[in-house]
C-alpha atoms as a PDB file:
ATOM      1  CA  MET A   1     138.706  64.298  90.904  1.00  0.00           C
ATOM      2  CA  ALA A   2     140.368  68.293  90.431  1.00  0.00           C
ATOM      3  CA  LYS A   3     143.625  66.494  92.622  1.00  0.00           C
ATOM      4  CA  LEU A   4     143.488  63.292  91.097  1.00  0.00           C
ATOM      5  CA  PHE A   5     143.811  64.716  87.579  1.00  0.00           C
ATOM      6  CA  SER A   6     146.192  67.078  88.419  1.00  0.00           C
ATOM      7  CA  SER A   7     147.987  64.444  90.215  1.00  0.00           C
ATOM      8  CA  TYR A   8     147.580  62.303  86.523  1.00  0.00           C
ATOM      9  CA  TYR A   9     148.790  65.187  84.699  1.00  0.00           C
ATOM     10  CA  LEU A  10     151.820  65.486  87.034  1.00  0.00           C
ATOM     11  CA  ASN A  11     152.996  62.404  86.565  1.00  0.00           C
ATOM     12  CA  SER A  12     152.182  62.188  82.518  1.00  0.00           C
ATOM     13  CA  MET A  13     154.774  65.324  82.452  1.00  0.00           C
ATOM     14  CA  ASN A  14     157.101  63.969  84.699  1.00  0.00           C
ATOM     15  CA  THR A  15     157.068  60.405  83.027  1.00  0.00           C
ATOM     16  CA  ARG A  16     157.801  62.080  79.257  1.00  0.00           C
ATOM     17  CA  LYS A  17     160.654  64.236  80.614  1.00  0.00           C
ATOM     18  CA  ALA A  18     162.179  60.799  82.302  1.00  0.00           C
ATOM     19  CA  ILE A  19     161.314  58.746  78.435  1.00  0.00           C
ATOM     20  CA  LEU A  20     163.283  62.439  76.489  1.00  0.00           C
ATOM     21  CA  THR A  21     165.886  61.801  79.312  1.00  0.00           C
ATOM     22  CA  ILE A  22     166.611  58.509  78.520  1.00  0.00           C
ATOM     23  CA  ALA A  23     166.559  58.573  74.638  1.00  0.00           C
ATOM     24  CA  VAL A  24     169.203  61.527  74.390  1.00  0.00           C
ATOM     25  CA  LEU A  25     171.291  58.661  77.570  1.00  0.00           C
ATOM     26  CA  CYS A  26     171.094  56.458  74.501  1.00  0.00           C
ATOM     27  CA  ILE A  27     171.400  58.521  71.427  1.00  0.00           C
ATOM     28  CA  SER A  28     175.111  59.577  73.143  1.00  0.00           C
ATOM     29  CA  ILE A  29     175.906  55.808  73.948  1.00  0.00           C
ATOM     30  CA  LEU A  30     175.595  55.181  70.849  1.00  0.00           C
ATOM     31  CA  HIS A  31     178.103  57.470  69.400  1.00  0.00           C
ATOM     32  CA  TYR A  32     180.254  57.155  71.804  1.00  0.00           C
ATOM     33  CA  SER A  33     179.965  53.423  71.012  1.00  0.00           C
ATOM     34  CA  THR A  34     180.295  53.782  67.451  1.00  0.00           C
ATOM     35  CA  PRO A  35     183.670  53.539  65.260  1.00  0.00           C
ATOM     36  CA  VAL A  36     184.329  56.645  63.825  1.00  0.00           C
ATOM     37  CA  MET A  37     184.888  55.105  60.267  1.00  0.00           C
ATOM     38  CA  LEU A  38     180.783  54.667  60.660  1.00  0.00           C
ATOM     39  CA  HIS A  39     179.983  57.998  58.795  1.00  0.00           C
ATOM     40  CA  ASN A  40     176.910  57.460  58.013  1.00  0.00           C
ATOM     41  CA  MET A  41     175.656  55.783  61.427  1.00  0.00           C
ATOM     42  CA  HIS A  42     177.116  58.693  62.903  1.00  0.00           C
ATOM     43  CA  ALA A  43     174.341  61.223  60.735  1.00  0.00           C
ATOM     44  CA  VAL A  44     171.438  58.842  61.856  1.00  0.00           C
ATOM     45  CA  TYR A  45     172.577  59.462  65.033  1.00  0.00           C
ATOM     46  CA  GLN A  46     173.103  63.359  65.078  1.00  0.00           C
ATOM     47  CA  ARG A  47     169.517  63.245  63.388  1.00  0.00           C
ATOM     48  CA  LEU A  48     167.980  61.367  66.451  1.00  0.00           C
ATOM     49  CA  TYR A  49     169.296  64.358  68.936  1.00  0.00           C
ATOM     50  CA  TYR A  50     165.953  66.367  67.031  1.00  0.00           C
ATOM     51  CA  VAL A  51     163.704  63.926  68.303  1.00  0.00           C
ATOM     52  CA  PRO A  52     163.625  64.682  72.142  1.00  0.00           C
ATOM     53  CA  ILE A  53     164.360  68.649  70.957  1.00  0.00           C
ATOM     54  CA  ILE A  54     161.449  68.682  69.018  1.00  0.00           C
ATOM     55  CA  LEU A  55     158.793  66.811  71.616  1.00  0.00           C
ATOM     56  CA  CYS A  56     159.809  68.112  74.534  1.00  0.00           C
ATOM     57  CA  ALA A  57     159.705  71.796  73.406  1.00  0.00           C
ATOM     58  CA  TYR A  58     156.104  70.755  72.298  1.00  0.00           C
ATOM     59  CA  TRP A  59     155.147  69.361  75.604  1.00  0.00           C
ATOM     60  CA  PHE A  60     156.793  71.894  77.639  1.00  0.00           C
ATOM     61  CA  GLY A  61     157.359  75.103  75.780  1.00  0.00           C
ATOM     62  CA  PHE A  62     160.491  77.724  74.891  1.00  0.00           C
ATOM     63  CA  ARG A  63     162.653  76.335  78.243  1.00  0.00           C
ATOM     64  CA  TRP A  64     161.666  73.162  78.638  1.00  0.00           C
ATOM     65  CA  GLY A  65     162.716  72.682  74.410  1.00  0.00           C
ATOM     66  CA  LEU A  66     165.736  74.756  74.954  1.00  0.00           C
ATOM     67  CA  PHE A  67     166.838  72.862  78.035  1.00  0.00           C
ATOM     68  CA  ALA A  68     166.308  70.166  75.812  1.00  0.00           C
ATOM     69  CA  ALA A  69     169.012  71.315  73.305  1.00  0.00           C
ATOM     70  CA  VAL A  70     171.526  72.266  75.482  1.00  0.00           C
ATOM     71  CA  PHE A  71     171.561  68.965  76.921  1.00  0.00           C
ATOM     72  CA  SER A  72     171.692  67.469  73.966  1.00  0.00           C
ATOM     73  CA  SER A  73     174.431  69.306  72.913  1.00  0.00           C
ATOM     74  CA  ILE A  74     176.244  68.907  76.246  1.00  0.00           C
ATOM     75  CA  ALA A  75     175.537  65.585  75.430  1.00  0.00           C
ATOM     76  CA  TYR A  76     176.971  65.492  71.959  1.00  0.00           C
ATOM     77  CA  ILE A  77     179.781  67.500  72.244  1.00  0.00           C
ATOM     78  CA  PRO A  78     182.399  65.824  73.900  1.00  0.00           C
ATOM     79  CA  HIS A  79     181.894  63.237  71.121  1.00  0.00           C
ATOM     80  CA  ILE A  80     183.011  65.973  68.532  1.00  0.00           C
ATOM     81  CA  VAL A  81     186.039  66.874  70.851  1.00  0.00           C
ATOM     82  CA  LEU A  82     187.838  62.771  71.249  1.00  0.00           C
ATOM     83  CA  GLN A  83     186.273  61.855  67.947  1.00  0.00           C
ATOM     84  CA  TRP A  84     186.461  64.550  65.202  1.00  0.00           C
ATOM     85  CA  ALA A  85     189.580  66.606  66.477  1.00  0.00           C
ATOM     86  CA  HIS A  86     191.977  65.099  63.792  1.00  0.00           C
ATOM     87  CA  MET A  87     188.950  66.477  60.999  1.00  0.00           C
ATOM     88  CA  PRO A  88     188.948  69.987  61.283  1.00  0.00           C
ATOM     89  CA  HIS A  89     186.354  70.617  58.733  1.00  0.00           C
ATOM     90  CA  GLU A  90     183.993  67.849  60.038  1.00  0.00           C
ATOM     91  CA  MET A  91     184.309  69.064  63.306  1.00  0.00           C
ATOM     92  CA  PHE A  92     183.030  72.910  62.037  1.00  0.00           C
ATOM     93  CA  THR A  93     179.950  70.637  60.871  1.00  0.00           C
ATOM     94  CA  GLN A  94     179.118  68.896  63.799  1.00  0.00           C
ATOM     95  CA  TYR A  95     179.516  72.239  66.119  1.00  0.00           C
ATOM     96  CA  VAL A  96     176.862  74.171  63.238  1.00  0.00           C
ATOM     97  CA  GLU A  97     174.787  71.366  63.921  1.00  0.00           C
ATOM     98  CA  VAL A  98     174.383  72.017  68.155  1.00  0.00           C
ATOM     99  CA  VAL A  99     173.807  74.995  67.076  1.00  0.00           C
ATOM    100  CA  MET A 100     170.867  74.386  65.087  1.00  0.00           C
ATOM    101  CA  PHE A 101     169.764  71.990  68.209  1.00  0.00           C
ATOM    102  CA  LEU A 102     169.368  74.920  69.586  1.00  0.00           C
ATOM    103  CA  VAL A 103     168.080  77.345  67.073  1.00  0.00           C
ATOM    104  CA  ILE A 104     165.325  74.102  66.199  1.00  0.00           C
ATOM    105  CA  GLY A 105     164.884  73.515  70.817  1.00  0.00           C
ATOM    106  CA  SER A 106     163.689  77.241  70.988  1.00  0.00           C
ATOM    107  CA  LEU A 107     161.748  77.860  67.884  1.00  0.00           C
ATOM    108  CA  VAL A 108     159.458  74.924  68.538  1.00  0.00           C
ATOM    109  CA  GLY A 109     159.534  75.721  71.905  1.00  0.00           C
ATOM    110  CA  ILE A 110     157.846  79.894  71.238  1.00  0.00           C
ATOM    111  CA  LEU A 111     155.657  78.309  68.482  1.00  0.00           C
ATOM    112  CA  SER A 112     154.467  76.046  70.985  1.00  0.00           C
ATOM    113  CA  ASP A 113     154.118  78.795  73.843  1.00  0.00           C
ATOM    114  CA  ILE A 114     152.173  80.665  70.468  1.00  0.00           C
ATOM    115  CA  GLN A 115     149.639  78.148  70.222  1.00  0.00           C
ATOM    116  CA  LYS A 116     148.513  76.826  73.477  1.00  0.00           C
ATOM    117  CA  LYS A 117     148.107  79.987  74.604  1.00  0.00           C
ATOM    118  CA  GLN A 118     146.025  80.533  71.573  1.00  0.00           C
ATOM    119  CA  GLN A 119     143.945  78.064  72.406  1.00  0.00           C
ATOM    120  CA  GLU A 120     143.966  78.792  76.274  1.00  0.00           C
ATOM    121  CA  GLN A 121     141.976  82.129  74.627  1.00  0.00           C
ATOM    122  CA  ILE A 122     139.789  80.061  73.060  1.00  0.00           C
ATOM    123  CA  SER A 123     138.498  77.844  75.426  1.00  0.00           C
ATOM    124  CA  GLN A 124     138.190  80.914  77.269  1.00  0.00           C
ATOM    125  CA  ALA A 125     136.077  82.514  74.842  1.00  0.00           C
ATOM    126  CA  ARG A 126     133.669  79.563  74.735  1.00  0.00           C
ATOM    127  CA  THR A 127     133.319  79.398  78.413  1.00  0.00           C
ATOM    128  CA  GLN A 128     132.494  83.153  78.332  1.00  0.00           C
ATOM    129  CA  MET A 129     130.146  82.546  75.276  1.00  0.00           C
ATOM    130  CA  HIS A 130     128.518  79.872  76.977  1.00  0.00           C
ATOM    131  CA  ARG A 131     128.336  81.851  80.811  1.00  0.00           C
ATOM    132  CA  MET A 132     126.633  84.816  78.807  1.00  0.00           C
ATOM    133  CA  ASP A 133     124.239  82.475  77.072  1.00  0.00           C
ATOM    134  CA  ARG A 134     122.992  81.419  79.907  1.00  0.00           C
ATOM    135  CA  MET A 135     122.968  84.487  81.609  1.00  0.00           C
ATOM    136  CA  SER A 136     120.536  85.380  78.348  1.00  0.00           C
ATOM    137  CA  LEU A 137     118.795  83.129  79.123  1.00  0.00           C
ATOM    138  CA  LEU A 138     118.363  83.909  82.813  1.00  0.00           C
ATOM    139  CA  GLY A 139     118.088  87.416  82.167  1.00  0.00           C
ATOM    140  CA  GLN A 140     114.729  86.362  79.628  1.00  0.00           C
ATOM    141  CA  LEU A 141     113.676  84.524  82.630  1.00  0.00           C
ATOM    142  CA  ALA A 142     113.212  87.041  85.236  1.00  0.00           C
ATOM    143  CA  ALA A 143     111.997  89.558  82.405  1.00  0.00           C
ATOM    144  CA  GLY A 144     109.151  87.316  80.983  1.00  0.00           C
ATOM    145  CA  LEU A 145     108.276  86.545  85.435  1.00  0.00           C
ATOM    146  CA  ALA A 146     108.434  90.429  86.282  1.00  0.00           C
ATOM    147  CA  HIS A 147     105.897  91.049  83.317  1.00  0.00           C
ATOM    148  CA  GLU A 148     104.693  88.178  85.400  1.00  0.00           C
ATOM    149  CA  ILE A 149     104.228  90.184  88.711  1.00  0.00           C
ATOM    150  CA  ARG A 150     103.730  93.429  87.365  1.00  0.00           C
ATOM    151  CA  ASN A 151      99.974  92.284  86.002  1.00  0.00           C
ATOM    152  CA  PRO A 152      98.083  90.891  89.650  1.00  0.00           C
ATOM    153  CA  LEU A 153     100.642  94.315  90.953  1.00  0.00           C
ATOM    154  CA  GLY A 154      98.928  96.870  89.374  1.00  0.00           C
ATOM    155  CA  SER A 155      95.277  95.348  90.042  1.00  0.00           C
ATOM    156  CA  LEU A 156      96.751  95.496  93.557  1.00  0.00           C
ATOM    157  CA  ILE A 157      97.393  99.669  93.134  1.00  0.00           C
ATOM    158  CA  GLY A 158      93.973  99.717  91.808  1.00  0.00           C
ATOM    159  CA  SER A 159      92.489  97.582  94.821  1.00  0.00           C
ATOM    160  CA  ASP A 160      94.607 100.222  97.187  1.00  0.00           C
ATOM    161  CA  GLU A 161      93.377 103.557  95.214  1.00  0.00           C
ATOM    162  CA  ILE A 162      89.411 102.367  95.533  1.00  0.00           C
ATOM    163  CA  LEU A 163      90.237 101.578  99.623  1.00  0.00           C
ATOM    164  CA  ALA A 164      91.685 104.537  99.855  1.00  0.00           C
ATOM    165  CA  GLU A 165      88.543 106.722  98.021  1.00  0.00           C
ATOM    166  CA  THR A 166      86.393 104.486 100.523  1.00  0.00           C
ATOM    167  CA  ILE A 167      87.935 105.266 103.639  1.00  0.00           C
ATOM    168  CA  SER A 168      88.018 108.643 105.316  1.00  0.00           C
ATOM    169  CA  LYS A 169      91.642 110.390 105.410  1.00  0.00           C
ATOM    170  CA  GLU A 170      90.644 110.454 110.227  1.00  0.00           C
ATOM    171  CA  HIS A 171      90.269 106.404 109.959  1.00  0.00           C
ATOM    172  CA  PRO A 172      93.038 104.874 112.487  1.00  0.00           C
ATOM    173  CA  GLN A 173      93.029 102.447 109.626  1.00  0.00           C
ATOM    174  CA  TYR A 174      93.920 104.861 106.414  1.00  0.00           C
ATOM    175  CA  GLU A 175      97.780 104.789 107.587  1.00  0.00           C
ATOM    176  CA  PHE A 176      97.946 101.365 106.725  1.00  0.00           C
ATOM    177  CA  ILE A 177      96.165 101.952 102.920  1.00  0.00           C
ATOM    178  CA  GLU A 178      98.550 104.582 102.669  1.00  0.00           C
ATOM    179  CA  ILE A 179     102.029 102.013 103.606  1.00  0.00           C
ATOM    180  CA  MET A 180     100.274  99.931 100.980  1.00  0.00           C
ATOM    181  CA  GLN A 181     100.585 102.172  97.946  1.00  0.00           C
ATOM    182  CA  LYS A 182     103.406 103.377  98.966  1.00  0.00           C
ATOM    183  CA  GLU A 183     105.145  99.268  99.101  1.00  0.00           C
ATOM    184  CA  HIS A 184     103.177  98.339  95.744  1.00  0.00           C
ATOM    185  CA  ARG A 185     104.099 101.448  93.752  1.00  0.00           C
ATOM    186  CA  ARG A 186     108.158 100.846  94.966  1.00  0.00           C
ATOM    187  CA  LEU A 187     107.210  97.375  93.730  1.00  0.00           C
ATOM    188  CA  ARG A 188     106.154  98.659  90.750  1.00  0.00           C
ATOM    189  CA  ASP A 189     109.075 101.146  89.759  1.00  0.00           C
ATOM    190  CA  LYS A 190     111.577  98.697  90.776  1.00  0.00           C
ATOM    191  CA  LEU A 191     109.979  96.064  88.229  1.00  0.00           C
ATOM    192  CA  ASN A 192     109.950  99.015  85.436  1.00  0.00           C
ATOM    193  CA  GLU A 193     113.655  99.752  86.531  1.00  0.00           C
ATOM    194  CA  PHE A 194     114.632  95.634  86.293  1.00  0.00           C
ATOM    195  CA  LEU A 195     112.733  95.760  82.787  1.00  0.00           C
ATOM    196  CA  SER A 196     113.576  98.567  81.582  1.00  0.00           C
ATOM    197  CA  PHE A 197     117.747  97.132  82.481  1.00  0.00           C
ATOM    198  CA  ALA A 198     116.970  93.444  81.058  1.00  0.00           C
ATOM    199  CA  ARG A 199     115.078  94.771  77.305  1.00  0.00           C
ATOM    200  CA  PRO A 200     116.602  98.310  76.729  1.00  0.00           C
ATOM    201  CA  ALA A 201     114.783 100.100  73.928  1.00  0.00           C
ATOM    202  CA  PRO A 202     116.031 101.455  70.883  1.00  0.00           C
ATOM    203  CA  ALA A 203     118.985 103.666  70.862  1.00  0.00           C
ATOM    204  CA  CYS A 204     117.629 107.267  71.722  1.00  0.00           C
ATOM    205  CA  ILE A 205     120.426 109.284  71.842  1.00  0.00           C
ATOM    206  CA  ILE A 206     120.130 112.767  74.029  1.00  0.00           C
ATOM    207  CA  LYS A 207     122.630 115.008  75.807  1.00  0.00           C
ATOM    208  CA  ASN A 208     122.569 113.414  79.813  1.00  0.00           C
ATOM    209  CA  ASN A 209     125.360 113.484  82.661  1.00  0.00           C
ATOM    210  CA  LEU A 210     127.111 110.225  83.296  1.00  0.00           C
ATOM    211  CA  ASN A 211     127.377 110.807  86.805  1.00  0.00           C
ATOM    212  CA  ALA A 212     123.758 110.587  87.402  1.00  0.00           C
ATOM    213  CA  VAL A 213     123.359 107.282  85.463  1.00  0.00           C
ATOM    214  CA  VAL A 214     126.382 106.119  87.220  1.00  0.00           C
ATOM    215  CA  LYS A 215     124.709 106.707  90.647  1.00  0.00           C
ATOM    216  CA  ALA A 216     121.022 105.283  89.175  1.00  0.00           C
ATOM    217  CA  THR A 217     122.663 101.857  87.850  1.00  0.00           C
ATOM    218  CA  VAL A 218     125.061 101.849  91.640  1.00  0.00           C
ATOM    219  CA  LYS A 219     121.875 102.603  93.268  1.00  0.00           C
ATOM    220  CA  PHE A 220     120.136  99.523  91.420  1.00  0.00           C
ATOM    221  CA  ALA A 221     122.829  97.113  91.707  1.00  0.00           C
ATOM    222  CA  GLU A 222     124.057  98.216  95.197  1.00  0.00           C
ATOM    223  CA  LYS A 223     122.354  96.451  97.876  1.00  0.00           C
ATOM    224  CA  GLN A 224     122.716  92.617  96.101  1.00  0.00           C
ATOM    225  CA  LEU A 225     126.477  94.272  95.681  1.00  0.00           C
ATOM    226  CA  GLN A 226     126.789  94.434  99.501  1.00  0.00           C
ATOM    227  CA  LYS A 227     124.982  90.967  99.954  1.00  0.00           C
ATOM    228  CA  THR A 228     127.866  89.382  98.497  1.00  0.00           C
ATOM    229  CA  GLY A 229     130.632  91.758 100.450  1.00  0.00           C
ATOM    230  CA  CYS A 230     131.322  93.568  98.015  1.00  0.00           C
ATOM    231  CA  MET A 231     131.260  97.560  98.077  1.00  0.00           C
ATOM    232  CA  VAL A 232     130.564 100.344  95.772  1.00  0.00           C
ATOM    233  CA  LYS A 233     132.971 103.260  95.449  1.00  0.00           C
ATOM    234  CA  LEU A 234     132.169 106.330  93.397  1.00  0.00           C
ATOM    235  CA  ASN A 235     135.254 108.345  92.383  1.00  0.00           C
ATOM    236  CA  LEU A 236     133.123 111.052  89.914  1.00  0.00           C
ATOM    237  CA  GLN A 237     134.567 113.945  88.797  1.00  0.00           C
ATOM    238  CA  ASN A 238     132.339 116.875  89.573  1.00  0.00           C
ATOM    239  CA  ASP A 239     132.003 119.316  86.803  1.00  0.00           C
ATOM    240  CA  LEU A 240     131.334 116.761  83.908  1.00  0.00           C
ATOM    241  CA  GLN A 241     129.677 118.168  80.738  1.00  0.00           C
ATOM    242  CA  GLU A 242     126.493 116.948  79.332  1.00  0.00           C
ATOM    243  CA  ILE A 243     127.271 114.458  76.587  1.00  0.00           C
ATOM    244  CA  PRO A 244     124.754 112.880  73.216  1.00  0.00           C
ATOM    245  CA  MET A 245     124.822 109.366  75.541  1.00  0.00           C
ATOM    246  CA  ASP A 246     122.514 106.130  75.045  1.00  0.00           C
ATOM    247  CA  ALA A 247     121.639 106.315  79.148  1.00  0.00           C
ATOM    248  CA  ASP A 248     120.194 103.239  79.012  1.00  0.00           C
ATOM    249  CA  TRP A 249     122.158 101.235  76.887  1.00  0.00           C
ATOM    250  CA  ILE A 250     125.261 102.796  78.852  1.00  0.00           C
ATOM    251  CA  LYS A 251     123.526 101.601  82.621  1.00  0.00           C
ATOM    252  CA  GLN A 252     123.262  97.776  80.659  1.00  0.00           C
ATOM    253  CA  ILE A 253     127.354  97.747  79.782  1.00  0.00           C
ATOM    254  CA  LEU A 254     127.603  99.453  83.445  1.00  0.00           C
ATOM    255  CA  LEU A 255     125.601  96.685  85.692  1.00  0.00           C
ATOM    256  CA  ASN A 256     127.539  93.989  83.374  1.00  0.00           C
ATOM    257  CA  LEU A 257     130.658  95.226  85.034  1.00  0.00           C
ATOM    258  CA  LEU A 258     129.462  95.702  88.413  1.00  0.00           C
ATOM    259  CA  LEU A 259     128.580  92.022  87.964  1.00  0.00           C
ATOM    260  CA  ASN A 260     131.422  90.850  86.538  1.00  0.00           C
ATOM    261  CA  ALA A 261     133.548  92.315  89.352  1.00  0.00           C
ATOM    262  CA  TYR A 262     131.789  91.109  92.094  1.00  0.00           C
ATOM    263  CA  GLN A 263     132.030  87.421  90.768  1.00  0.00           C
ATOM    264  CA  ALA A 264     135.624  87.821  90.391  1.00  0.00           C
ATOM    265  CA  MET A 265     135.955  88.649  94.246  1.00  0.00           C
ATOM    266  CA  PRO A 266     133.778  85.672  95.418  1.00  0.00           C
ATOM    267  CA  MET A 267     135.358  86.992  99.164  1.00  0.00           C
ATOM    268  CA  GLY A 268     133.850  90.617  98.869  1.00  0.00           C
ATOM    269  CA  GLY A 269     136.265  93.897  98.255  1.00  0.00           C
ATOM    270  CA  THR A 270     135.867  97.050  96.980  1.00  0.00           C
ATOM    271  CA  ILE A 271     134.574  97.970  93.672  1.00  0.00           C
ATOM    272  CA  THR A 272     135.617 102.028  92.249  1.00  0.00           C
ATOM    273  CA  VAL A 273     133.410 103.343  89.735  1.00  0.00           C
ATOM    274  CA  SER A 274     135.078 106.813  87.989  1.00  0.00           C
ATOM    275  CA  THR A 275     134.284 109.515  86.260  1.00  0.00           C
ATOM    276  CA  ALA A 276     136.537 111.857  84.384  1.00  0.00           C
ATOM    277  CA  THR A 277     137.294 113.984  81.681  1.00  0.00           C
ATOM    278  CA  ASP A 278     140.607 114.332  79.449  1.00  0.00           C
ATOM    279  CA  LYS A 279     141.231 115.689  76.019  1.00  0.00           C
ATOM    280  CA  LYS A 280     139.051 113.601  74.082  1.00  0.00           C
ATOM    281  CA  GLY A 281     135.739 113.159  76.503  1.00  0.00           C
ATOM    282  CA  VAL A 282     134.738 112.005  78.904  1.00  0.00           C
ATOM    283  CA  LEU A 283     136.453 108.868  80.407  1.00  0.00           C
END
């Protein structure tokens, strides 16, 4: 489907270029075939050159707008030399018109490029907002699911403690109870950590070490990134001083950056996370 649309788009562009080229040639033929004394007709034909110039600049941007202006000028200048040479004042006016071809083609092309760039930025912003809305919804669903898991997990941890009290530590199966307790607590810690990312608490500004925050965030996301073929490389300055920050918000921001980075590398790669200081503070 994408190839078909691309082929149709290219054919449409080529068709437009062909039509504009034919239009310039037809206007030139009218100029050369019309007697000089018909000034009004020549004035009309002269203004008609602006139509293909403006359309080409609007459709294809600055380069093609300038090209259309130059092409129209080349087609029109022989007419000036051949039919207006005996009228210097009128000849000068015709050359001024040629300059206007170039000015109009360039100006409309520049404005067209600016408009297209703005439209692309708006489209990208809408796509990004849609993606963020979906991620936000998925985050809420995942957080709700994590809460549902945490409730029965609490019952399992309580059951582990009851079993540990009823079986002697010398019993051969006590080792399995310890394994269950360890794994259930590890799962609980992971759920709590996930929930702290999904629903951070209100801002709490305290002094903290940025390196420690970065390491904790990378550790949380590292296994998921490795599954996609992405490796995380830490380049942390060792002598960073503690600075006032909300560690939870910094973790959330860094996690979003890591997710954006791995989404931009579908074939895998290396993500480098660096910290450093300058005269203004921590980077």
